[in-house]
Amino acid sequence: MLHLNITKQEIIDKDFGKCLLISNGYLQLKVTLEVGPRIISFRRNEGNNILFNDINDKVKVWGADLEYIYGKGTVWHAYGGHRIW
C-alpha cells in the first residue's frame, strides 16, 4: 500500500500574495488564494516550475479589438500559471 503524506501550508508569495502550498514530499503545487484561483507553480520539491509565469508583465495585449468589447484602455495580461475552470 502506498502511503502519501500530504502537507498544506498558507504562505506569502513575493509575486502573487497569499498562496496555498501543497506537497506530497516529492511534488509541490502552489495555488493563489487572493487572485484566481490559479495554479502558479507545479514542480518537484527541488526542481523548476513547469508552468509559465510572467512576473515582469511582458506578455500583454491591447488595442482596438479589446477596447471595442471591454472599453477604452483595456489591457489583457498573461500572468501565467493555470486557471482552474
PDB file of N, CA and C in Angstrom:
ATOM      1  N   MET A   1       0.833  -1.172   0.000  1.00  0.00           N
ATOM      2  CA  MET A   1       0.000   0.000   0.000  1.00  0.00           C
ATOM      3  C   MET A   1       0.887   1.249   0.000  1.00  0.00           C
ATOM      4  N   LEU A   2       0.534   2.204  -0.847  1.00  0.00           N
ATOM      5  CA  LEU A   2       1.266   3.455  -0.952  1.00  0.00           C
ATOM      6  C   LEU A   2       0.730   4.441   0.076  1.00  0.00           C
ATOM      7  N   HIS A   3       1.626   4.981   0.884  1.00  0.00           N
ATOM      8  CA  HIS A   3       1.226   5.962   1.892  1.00  0.00           C
ATOM      9  C   HIS A   3       1.803   7.323   1.508  1.00  0.00           C
ATOM     10  N   LEU A   4       0.941   8.294   1.267  1.00  0.00           N
ATOM     11  CA  LEU A   4       1.378   9.635   0.930  1.00  0.00           C
ATOM     12  C   LEU A   4       1.117  10.568   2.097  1.00  0.00           C
ATOM     13  N   ASN A   5       2.106  11.333   2.438  1.00  0.00           N
ATOM     14  CA  ASN A   5       1.969  12.328   3.490  1.00  0.00           C
ATOM     15  C   ASN A   5       1.779  13.691   2.830  1.00  0.00           C
ATOM     16  N   ILE A   6       0.536  14.088   2.654  1.00  0.00           N
ATOM     17  CA  ILE A   6       0.213  15.353   2.006  1.00  0.00           C
ATOM     18  C   ILE A   6       0.232  16.465   3.052  1.00  0.00           C
ATOM     19  N   THR A   7       0.988  17.523   2.760  1.00  0.00           N
ATOM     20  CA  THR A   7       1.016  18.677   3.653  1.00  0.00           C
ATOM     21  C   THR A   7       0.480  19.892   2.911  1.00  0.00           C
ATOM     22  N   LYS A   8      -0.073  20.814   3.663  1.00  0.00           N
ATOM     23  CA  LYS A   8      -0.536  22.080   3.080  1.00  0.00           C
ATOM     24  C   LYS A   8      -0.188  23.192   4.046  1.00  0.00           C
ATOM     25  N   GLN A   9       0.151  24.338   3.462  1.00  0.00           N
ATOM     26  CA  GLN A   9       0.593  25.462   4.278  1.00  0.00           C
ATOM     27  C   GLN A   9       0.253  26.755   3.559  1.00  0.00           C
ATOM     28  N   GLU A  10      -0.306  27.710   4.271  1.00  0.00           N
ATOM     29  CA  GLU A  10      -0.521  29.043   3.701  1.00  0.00           C
ATOM     30  C   GLU A  10       0.797  29.800   3.754  1.00  0.00           C
ATOM     31  N   ILE A  11       1.155  30.405   2.627  1.00  0.00           N
ATOM     32  CA  ILE A  11       2.395  31.175   2.540  1.00  0.00           C
ATOM     33  C   ILE A  11       2.106  32.515   1.880  1.00  0.00           C
ATOM     34  N   ILE A  12       3.062  33.407   1.944  1.00  0.00           N
ATOM     35  CA  ILE A  12       3.002  34.663   1.197  1.00  0.00           C
ATOM     36  C   ILE A  12       4.050  34.587   0.093  1.00  0.00           C
ATOM     37  N   ASP A  13       3.577  34.571  -1.150  1.00  0.00           N
ATOM     38  CA  ASP A  13       4.458  34.559  -2.310  1.00  0.00           C
ATOM     39  C   ASP A  13       4.808  36.004  -2.652  1.00  0.00           C
ATOM     40  N   LYS A  14       6.075  36.280  -2.953  1.00  0.00           N
ATOM     41  CA  LYS A  14       6.505  37.660  -3.200  1.00  0.00           C
ATOM     42  C   LYS A  14       5.834  38.283  -4.420  1.00  0.00           C
ATOM     43  N   ASP A  15       5.380  37.451  -5.371  1.00  0.00           N
ATOM     44  CA  ASP A  15       4.763  37.982  -6.584  1.00  0.00           C
ATOM     45  C   ASP A  15       3.239  37.873  -6.605  1.00  0.00           C
ATOM     46  N   PHE A  16       2.665  36.883  -5.909  1.00  0.00           N
ATOM     47  CA  PHE A  16       1.234  36.623  -6.006  1.00  0.00           C
ATOM     48  C   PHE A  16       0.476  36.746  -4.688  1.00  0.00           C
ATOM     49  N   GLY A  17       1.155  37.112  -3.616  1.00  0.00           N
ATOM     50  CA  GLY A  17       0.470  37.280  -2.334  1.00  0.00           C
ATOM     51  C   GLY A  17       0.167  35.966  -1.637  1.00  0.00           C
ATOM     52  N   LYS A  18      -0.984  35.916  -0.953  1.00  0.00           N
ATOM     53  CA  LYS A  18      -1.341  34.735  -0.167  1.00  0.00           C
ATOM     54  C   LYS A  18      -1.577  33.532  -1.084  1.00  0.00           C
ATOM     55  N   CYS A  19      -0.896  32.416  -0.776  1.00  0.00           N
ATOM     56  CA  CYS A  19      -0.997  31.188  -1.577  1.00  0.00           C
ATOM     57  C   CYS A  19      -1.089  29.980  -0.674  1.00  0.00           C
ATOM     58  N   LEU A  20      -1.532  28.878  -1.241  1.00  0.00           N
ATOM     59  CA  LEU A  20      -1.553  27.599  -0.560  1.00  0.00           C
ATOM     60  C   LEU A  20      -0.489  26.721  -1.206  1.00  0.00           C
ATOM     61  N   LEU A  21       0.434  26.198  -0.395  1.00  0.00           N
ATOM     62  CA  LEU A  21       1.499  25.315  -0.854  1.00  0.00           C
ATOM     63  C   LEU A  21       1.124  23.900  -0.435  1.00  0.00           C
ATOM     64  N   ILE A  22       0.972  23.009  -1.422  1.00  0.00           N
ATOM     65  CA  ILE A  22       0.579  21.622  -1.180  1.00  0.00           C
ATOM     66  C   ILE A  22       1.720  20.729  -1.650  1.00  0.00           C
ATOM     67  N   SER A  23       2.114  19.759  -0.823  1.00  0.00           N
ATOM     68  CA  SER A  23       3.229  18.884  -1.174  1.00  0.00           C
ATOM     69  C   SER A  23       2.971  17.460  -0.687  1.00  0.00           C
ATOM     70  N   ASN A  24       3.481  16.501  -1.450  1.00  0.00           N
ATOM     71  CA  ASN A  24       3.441  15.114  -1.003  1.00  0.00           C
ATOM     72  C   ASN A  24       4.845  14.625  -0.648  1.00  0.00           C
ATOM     73  N   GLY A  25       5.782  15.544  -0.487  1.00  0.00           N
ATOM     74  CA  GLY A  25       7.156  15.200  -0.172  1.00  0.00           C
ATOM     75  C   GLY A  25       8.017  15.042  -1.413  1.00  0.00           C
ATOM     76  N   TYR A  26       7.384  14.951  -2.571  1.00  0.00           N
ATOM     77  CA  TYR A  26       8.100  14.814  -3.836  1.00  0.00           C
ATOM     78  C   TYR A  26       7.685  15.892  -4.830  1.00  0.00           C
ATOM     79  N   LEU A  27       6.385  16.119  -4.931  1.00  0.00           N
ATOM     80  CA  LEU A  27       5.846  17.151  -5.823  1.00  0.00           C
ATOM     81  C   LEU A  27       5.250  18.280  -4.999  1.00  0.00           C
ATOM     82  N   GLN A  28       5.262  19.477  -5.590  1.00  0.00           N
ATOM     83  CA  GLN A  28       4.799  20.672  -4.898  1.00  0.00           C
ATOM     84  C   GLN A  28       3.893  21.472  -5.827  1.00  0.00           C
ATOM     85  N   LEU A  29       2.790  21.933  -5.302  1.00  0.00           N
ATOM     86  CA  LEU A  29       1.814  22.717  -6.048  1.00  0.00           C
ATOM     87  C   LEU A  29       1.552  23.996  -5.265  1.00  0.00           C
ATOM     88  N   LYS A  30       1.572  25.145  -5.954  1.00  0.00           N
ATOM     89  CA  LYS A  30       1.295  26.421  -5.306  1.00  0.00           C
ATOM     90  C   LYS A  30       0.085  27.055  -5.989  1.00  0.00           C
ATOM     91  N   VAL A  31      -0.931  27.393  -5.190  1.00  0.00           N
ATOM     92  CA  VAL A  31      -2.195  27.919  -5.700  1.00  0.00           C
ATOM     93  C   VAL A  31      -2.467  29.277  -5.062  1.00  0.00           C
ATOM     94  N   THR A  32      -2.857  30.247  -5.881  1.00  0.00           N
ATOM     95  CA  THR A  32      -3.167  31.573  -5.350  1.00  0.00           C
ATOM     96  C   THR A  32      -4.467  31.527  -4.546  1.00  0.00           C
ATOM     97  N   LEU A  33      -4.526  32.346  -3.512  1.00  0.00           N
ATOM     98  CA  LEU A  33      -5.736  32.452  -2.696  1.00  0.00           C
ATOM     99  C   LEU A  33      -6.403  33.817  -2.826  1.00  0.00           C
ATOM    100  N   GLU A  34      -5.682  34.815  -3.320  1.00  0.00           N
ATOM    101  CA  GLU A  34      -6.240  36.170  -3.421  1.00  0.00           C
ATOM    102  C   GLU A  34      -6.621  36.557  -4.844  1.00  0.00           C
ATOM    103  N   VAL A  35      -6.090  35.884  -5.831  1.00  0.00           N
ATOM    104  CA  VAL A  35      -6.466  36.100  -7.228  1.00  0.00           C
ATOM    105  C   VAL A  35      -6.693  34.735  -7.855  1.00  0.00           C
ATOM    106  N   GLY A  36      -7.592  34.688  -8.806  1.00  0.00           N
ATOM    107  CA  GLY A  36      -7.784  33.408  -9.498  1.00  0.00           C
ATOM    108  C   GLY A  36      -9.085  32.737  -9.104  1.00  0.00           C
ATOM    109  N   PRO A  37      -9.043  31.456  -8.795  1.00  0.00           N
ATOM    110  CA  PRO A  37      -7.867  30.672  -8.417  1.00  0.00           C
ATOM    111  C   PRO A  37      -6.970  30.390  -9.613  1.00  0.00           C
ATOM    112  N   ARG A  38      -5.706  30.254  -9.332  1.00  0.00           N
ATOM    113  CA  ARG A  38      -4.697  29.999 -10.359  1.00  0.00           C
ATOM    114  C   ARG A  38      -3.583  29.151  -9.756  1.00  0.00           C
ATOM    115  N   ILE A  39      -3.232  28.054 -10.442  1.00  0.00           N
ATOM    116  CA  ILE A  39      -2.062  27.275 -10.043  1.00  0.00           C
ATOM    117  C   ILE A  39      -0.861  28.001 -10.625  1.00  0.00           C
ATOM    118  N   ILE A  40       0.019  28.515  -9.787  1.00  0.00           N
ATOM    119  CA  ILE A  40       1.154  29.295 -10.282  1.00  0.00           C
ATOM    120  C   ILE A  40       2.456  28.511 -10.285  1.00  0.00           C
ATOM    121  N   SER A  41       2.450  27.331  -9.658  1.00  0.00           N
ATOM    122  CA  SER A  41       3.676  26.544  -9.645  1.00  0.00           C
ATOM    123  C   SER A  41       3.355  25.067  -9.504  1.00  0.00           C
ATOM    124  N   PHE A  42       4.012  24.252 -10.326  1.00  0.00           N
ATOM    125  CA  PHE A  42       3.972  22.799 -10.209  1.00  0.00           C
ATOM    126  C   PHE A  42       5.389  22.317 -10.461  1.00  0.00           C
ATOM    127  N   ARG A  43       5.981  21.664  -9.475  1.00  0.00           N
ATOM    128  CA  ARG A  43       7.392  21.270  -9.563  1.00  0.00           C
ATOM    129  C   ARG A  43       7.701  20.110  -8.639  1.00  0.00           C
ATOM    130  N   ARG A  44       8.833  19.475  -8.898  1.00  0.00           N
ATOM    131  CA  ARG A  44       9.409  18.596  -7.890  1.00  0.00           C
ATOM    132  C   ARG A  44       9.893  19.502  -6.779  1.00  0.00           C
ATOM    133  N   ASN A  45      10.011  18.988  -5.572  1.00  0.00           N
ATOM    134  CA  ASN A  45      10.402  19.841  -4.442  1.00  0.00           C
ATOM    135  C   ASN A  45      11.681  20.623  -4.711  1.00  0.00           C
ATOM    136  N   GLU A  46      12.653  20.023  -5.362  1.00  0.00           N
ATOM    137  CA  GLU A  46      13.912  20.715  -5.645  1.00  0.00           C
ATOM    138  C   GLU A  46      14.052  21.080  -7.125  1.00  0.00           C
ATOM    139  N   GLY A  47      12.968  20.990  -7.893  1.00  0.00           N
ATOM    140  CA  GLY A  47      13.044  21.231  -9.330  1.00  0.00           C
ATOM    141  C   GLY A  47      12.528  22.596  -9.739  1.00  0.00           C
ATOM    142  N   ASN A  48      12.472  22.784 -11.046  1.00  0.00           N
ATOM    143  CA  ASN A  48      11.985  24.033 -11.632  1.00  0.00           C
ATOM    144  C   ASN A  48      10.480  23.974 -11.858  1.00  0.00           C
ATOM    145  N   ASN A  49       9.844  25.112 -11.798  1.00  0.00           N
ATOM    146  CA  ASN A  49       8.424  25.244 -12.083  1.00  0.00           C
ATOM    147  C   ASN A  49       8.192  24.913 -13.554  1.00  0.00           C
ATOM    148  N   ILE A  50       7.237  24.022 -13.855  1.00  0.00           N
ATOM    149  CA  ILE A  50       6.968  23.679 -15.250  1.00  0.00           C
ATOM    150  C   ILE A  50       5.906  24.594 -15.866  1.00  0.00           C
ATOM    151  N   LEU A  51       5.301  25.474 -15.062  1.00  0.00           N
ATOM    152  CA  LEU A  51       4.302  26.409 -15.573  1.00  0.00           C
ATOM    153  C   LEU A  51       4.927  27.775 -15.848  1.00  0.00           C
ATOM    154  N   PHE A  52       4.455  28.426 -16.887  1.00  0.00           N
ATOM    155  CA  PHE A  52       4.917  29.765 -17.242  1.00  0.00           C
ATOM    156  C   PHE A  52       4.369  30.784 -16.251  1.00  0.00           C
ATOM    157  N   ASN A  53       5.209  31.707 -15.834  1.00  0.00           N
ATOM    158  CA  ASN A  53       4.777  32.857 -15.029  1.00  0.00           C
ATOM    159  C   ASN A  53       5.412  34.112 -15.599  1.00  0.00           C
ATOM    160  N   ASP A  54       4.595  35.127 -15.847  1.00  0.00           N
ATOM    161  CA  ASP A  54       5.082  36.389 -16.403  1.00  0.00           C
ATOM    162  C   ASP A  54       5.231  37.409 -15.280  1.00  0.00           C
ATOM    163  N   ILE A  55       6.240  37.207 -14.448  1.00  0.00           N
ATOM    164  CA  ILE A  55       6.460  38.056 -13.282  1.00  0.00           C
ATOM    165  C   ILE A  55       6.734  39.506 -13.684  1.00  0.00           C
ATOM    166  N   ASN A  56       7.393  39.708 -14.825  1.00  0.00           N
ATOM    167  CA  ASN A  56       7.751  41.059 -15.273  1.00  0.00           C
ATOM    168  C   ASN A  56       6.682  41.698 -16.151  1.00  0.00           C
ATOM    169  N   ASP A  57       5.524  41.036 -16.295  1.00  0.00           N
ATOM    170  CA  ASP A  57       4.382  41.569 -17.045  1.00  0.00           C
ATOM    171  C   ASP A  57       4.757  41.959 -18.477  1.00  0.00           C
ATOM    172  N   LYS A  58       5.458  41.063 -19.170  1.00  0.00           N
ATOM    173  CA  LYS A  58       5.880  41.327 -20.547  1.00  0.00           C
ATOM    174  C   LYS A  58       4.856  40.873 -21.582  1.00  0.00           C
ATOM    175  N   VAL A  59       4.011  39.898 -21.230  1.00  0.00           N
ATOM    176  CA  VAL A  59       3.045  39.358 -22.184  1.00  0.00           C
ATOM    177  C   VAL A  59       1.691  40.009 -21.937  1.00  0.00           C
ATOM    178  N   LYS A  60       1.318  40.919 -22.829  1.00  0.00           N
ATOM    179  CA  LYS A  60       0.028  41.590 -22.714  1.00  0.00           C
ATOM    180  C   LYS A  60      -0.458  41.989 -24.103  1.00  0.00           C
ATOM    181  N   VAL A  61      -1.743  42.185 -24.206  1.00  0.00           N
ATOM    182  CA  VAL A  61      -2.377  42.528 -25.479  1.00  0.00           C
ATOM    183  C   VAL A  61      -3.285  43.726 -25.239  1.00  0.00           C
ATOM    184  N   TRP A  62      -3.280  44.658 -26.176  1.00  0.00           N
ATOM    185  CA  TRP A  62      -4.165  45.824 -26.111  1.00  0.00           C
ATOM    186  C   TRP A  62      -4.509  46.216 -27.535  1.00  0.00           C
ATOM    187  N   GLY A  63      -5.418  47.124 -27.669  1.00  0.00           N
ATOM    188  CA  GLY A  63      -5.764  47.610 -28.996  1.00  0.00           C
ATOM    189  C   GLY A  63      -7.250  47.739 -29.218  1.00  0.00           C
ATOM    190  N   ALA A  64      -7.590  48.049 -30.452  1.00  0.00           N
ATOM    191  CA  ALA A  64      -8.967  48.379 -30.825  1.00  0.00           C
ATOM    192  C   ALA A  64      -9.938  47.231 -30.555  1.00  0.00           C
ATOM    193  N   ASP A  65      -9.538  45.981 -30.834  1.00  0.00           N
ATOM    194  CA  ASP A  65     -10.454  44.855 -30.622  1.00  0.00           C
ATOM    195  C   ASP A  65     -10.850  44.717 -29.160  1.00  0.00           C
ATOM    196  N   LEU A  66      -9.888  44.813 -28.257  1.00  0.00           N
ATOM    197  CA  LEU A  66     -10.204  44.722 -26.825  1.00  0.00           C
ATOM    198  C   LEU A  66     -11.025  45.923 -26.374  1.00  0.00           C
ATOM    199  N   GLU A  67     -10.663  47.096 -26.842  1.00  0.00           N
ATOM    200  CA  GLU A  67     -11.384  48.303 -26.445  1.00  0.00           C
ATOM    201  C   GLU A  67     -12.820  48.288 -26.942  1.00  0.00           C
ATOM    202  N   TYR A  68     -13.052  47.732 -28.129  1.00  0.00           N
ATOM    203  CA  TYR A  68     -14.402  47.649 -28.684  1.00  0.00           C
ATOM    204  C   TYR A  68     -15.307  46.814 -27.774  1.00  0.00           C
ATOM    205  N   ILE A  69     -14.769  45.721 -27.241  1.00  0.00           N
ATOM    206  CA  ILE A  69     -15.566  44.808 -26.417  1.00  0.00           C
ATOM    207  C   ILE A  69     -15.577  45.228 -24.945  1.00  0.00           C
ATOM    208  N   TYR A  70     -14.411  45.590 -24.396  1.00  0.00           N
ATOM    209  CA  TYR A  70     -14.283  45.794 -22.952  1.00  0.00           C
ATOM    210  C   TYR A  70     -14.109  47.238 -22.507  1.00  0.00           C
ATOM    211  N   GLY A  71     -13.945  48.159 -23.452  1.00  0.00           N
ATOM    212  CA  GLY A  71     -13.832  49.561 -23.081  1.00  0.00           C
ATOM    213  C   GLY A  71     -12.441  50.144 -23.293  1.00  0.00           C
ATOM    214  N   LYS A  72     -12.410  51.451 -23.381  1.00  0.00           N
ATOM    215  CA  LYS A  72     -11.169  52.188 -23.655  1.00  0.00           C
ATOM    216  C   LYS A  72     -10.104  51.896 -22.596  1.00  0.00           C
ATOM    217  N   GLY A  73      -8.875  51.674 -23.075  1.00  0.00           N
ATOM    218  CA  GLY A  73      -7.742  51.449 -22.190  1.00  0.00           C
ATOM    219  C   GLY A  73      -7.586  50.017 -21.685  1.00  0.00           C
ATOM    220  N   THR A  74      -8.424  49.088 -22.171  1.00  0.00           N
ATOM    221  CA  THR A  74      -8.359  47.702 -21.707  1.00  0.00           C
ATOM    222  C   THR A  74      -7.046  47.043 -22.133  1.00  0.00           C
ATOM    223  N   VAL A  75      -6.430  46.345 -21.192  1.00  0.00           N
ATOM    224  CA  VAL A  75      -5.203  45.586 -21.461  1.00  0.00           C
ATOM    225  C   VAL A  75      -5.386  44.189 -20.873  1.00  0.00           C
ATOM    226  N   TRP A  76      -5.067  43.154 -21.661  1.00  0.00           N
ATOM    227  CA  TRP A  76      -5.120  41.765 -21.199  1.00  0.00           C
ATOM    228  C   TRP A  76      -3.715  41.334 -20.819  1.00  0.00           C
ATOM    229  N   HIS A  77      -3.548  40.756 -19.626  1.00  0.00           N
ATOM    230  CA  HIS A  77      -2.247  40.325 -19.119  1.00  0.00           C
ATOM    231  C   HIS A  77      -2.216  38.803 -19.011  1.00  0.00           C
ATOM    232  N   ALA A  78      -1.129  38.175 -19.468  1.00  0.00           N
ATOM    233  CA  ALA A  78      -0.933  36.726 -19.327  1.00  0.00           C
ATOM    234  C   ALA A  78      -0.073  36.484 -18.099  1.00  0.00           C
ATOM    235  N   TYR A  79      -0.710  36.428 -16.940  1.00  0.00           N
ATOM    236  CA  TYR A  79       0.047  36.271 -15.700  1.00  0.00           C
ATOM    237  C   TYR A  79       0.739  34.926 -15.608  1.00  0.00           C
ATOM    238  N   GLY A  80       0.209  33.936 -16.300  1.00  0.00           N
ATOM    239  CA  GLY A  80       0.828  32.616 -16.301  1.00  0.00           C
ATOM    240  C   GLY A  80       0.111  31.653 -15.389  1.00  0.00           C
ATOM    241  N   GLY A  81       0.812  30.554 -15.086  1.00  0.00           N
ATOM    242  CA  GLY A  81       0.205  29.511 -14.283  1.00  0.00           C
ATOM    243  C   GLY A  81      -0.886  28.809 -15.056  1.00  0.00           C
ATOM    244  N   HIS A  82      -1.883  28.306 -14.363  1.00  0.00           N
ATOM    245  CA  HIS A  82      -3.000  27.632 -14.991  1.00  0.00           C
ATOM    246  C   HIS A  82      -4.267  27.982 -14.233  1.00  0.00           C
ATOM    247  N   ARG A  83      -5.273  28.438 -14.953  1.00  0.00           N
ATOM    248  CA  ARG A  83      -6.559  28.765 -14.337  1.00  0.00           C
ATOM    249  C   ARG A  83      -7.314  27.477 -14.059  1.00  0.00           C
ATOM    250  N   ILE A  84      -7.999  27.412 -12.949  1.00  0.00           N
ATOM    251  CA  ILE A  84      -8.814  26.268 -12.597  1.00  0.00           C
ATOM    252  C   ILE A  84     -10.224  26.576 -13.066  1.00  0.00           C
ATOM    253  N   TRP A  85     -10.696  25.857 -14.073  1.00  0.00           N
ATOM    254  CA  TRP A  85     -12.027  26.093 -14.617  1.00  0.00           C
ATOM    255  C   TRP A  85     -12.963  24.992 -14.202  1.00  0.00           C
TER     256      TRP A  85
END
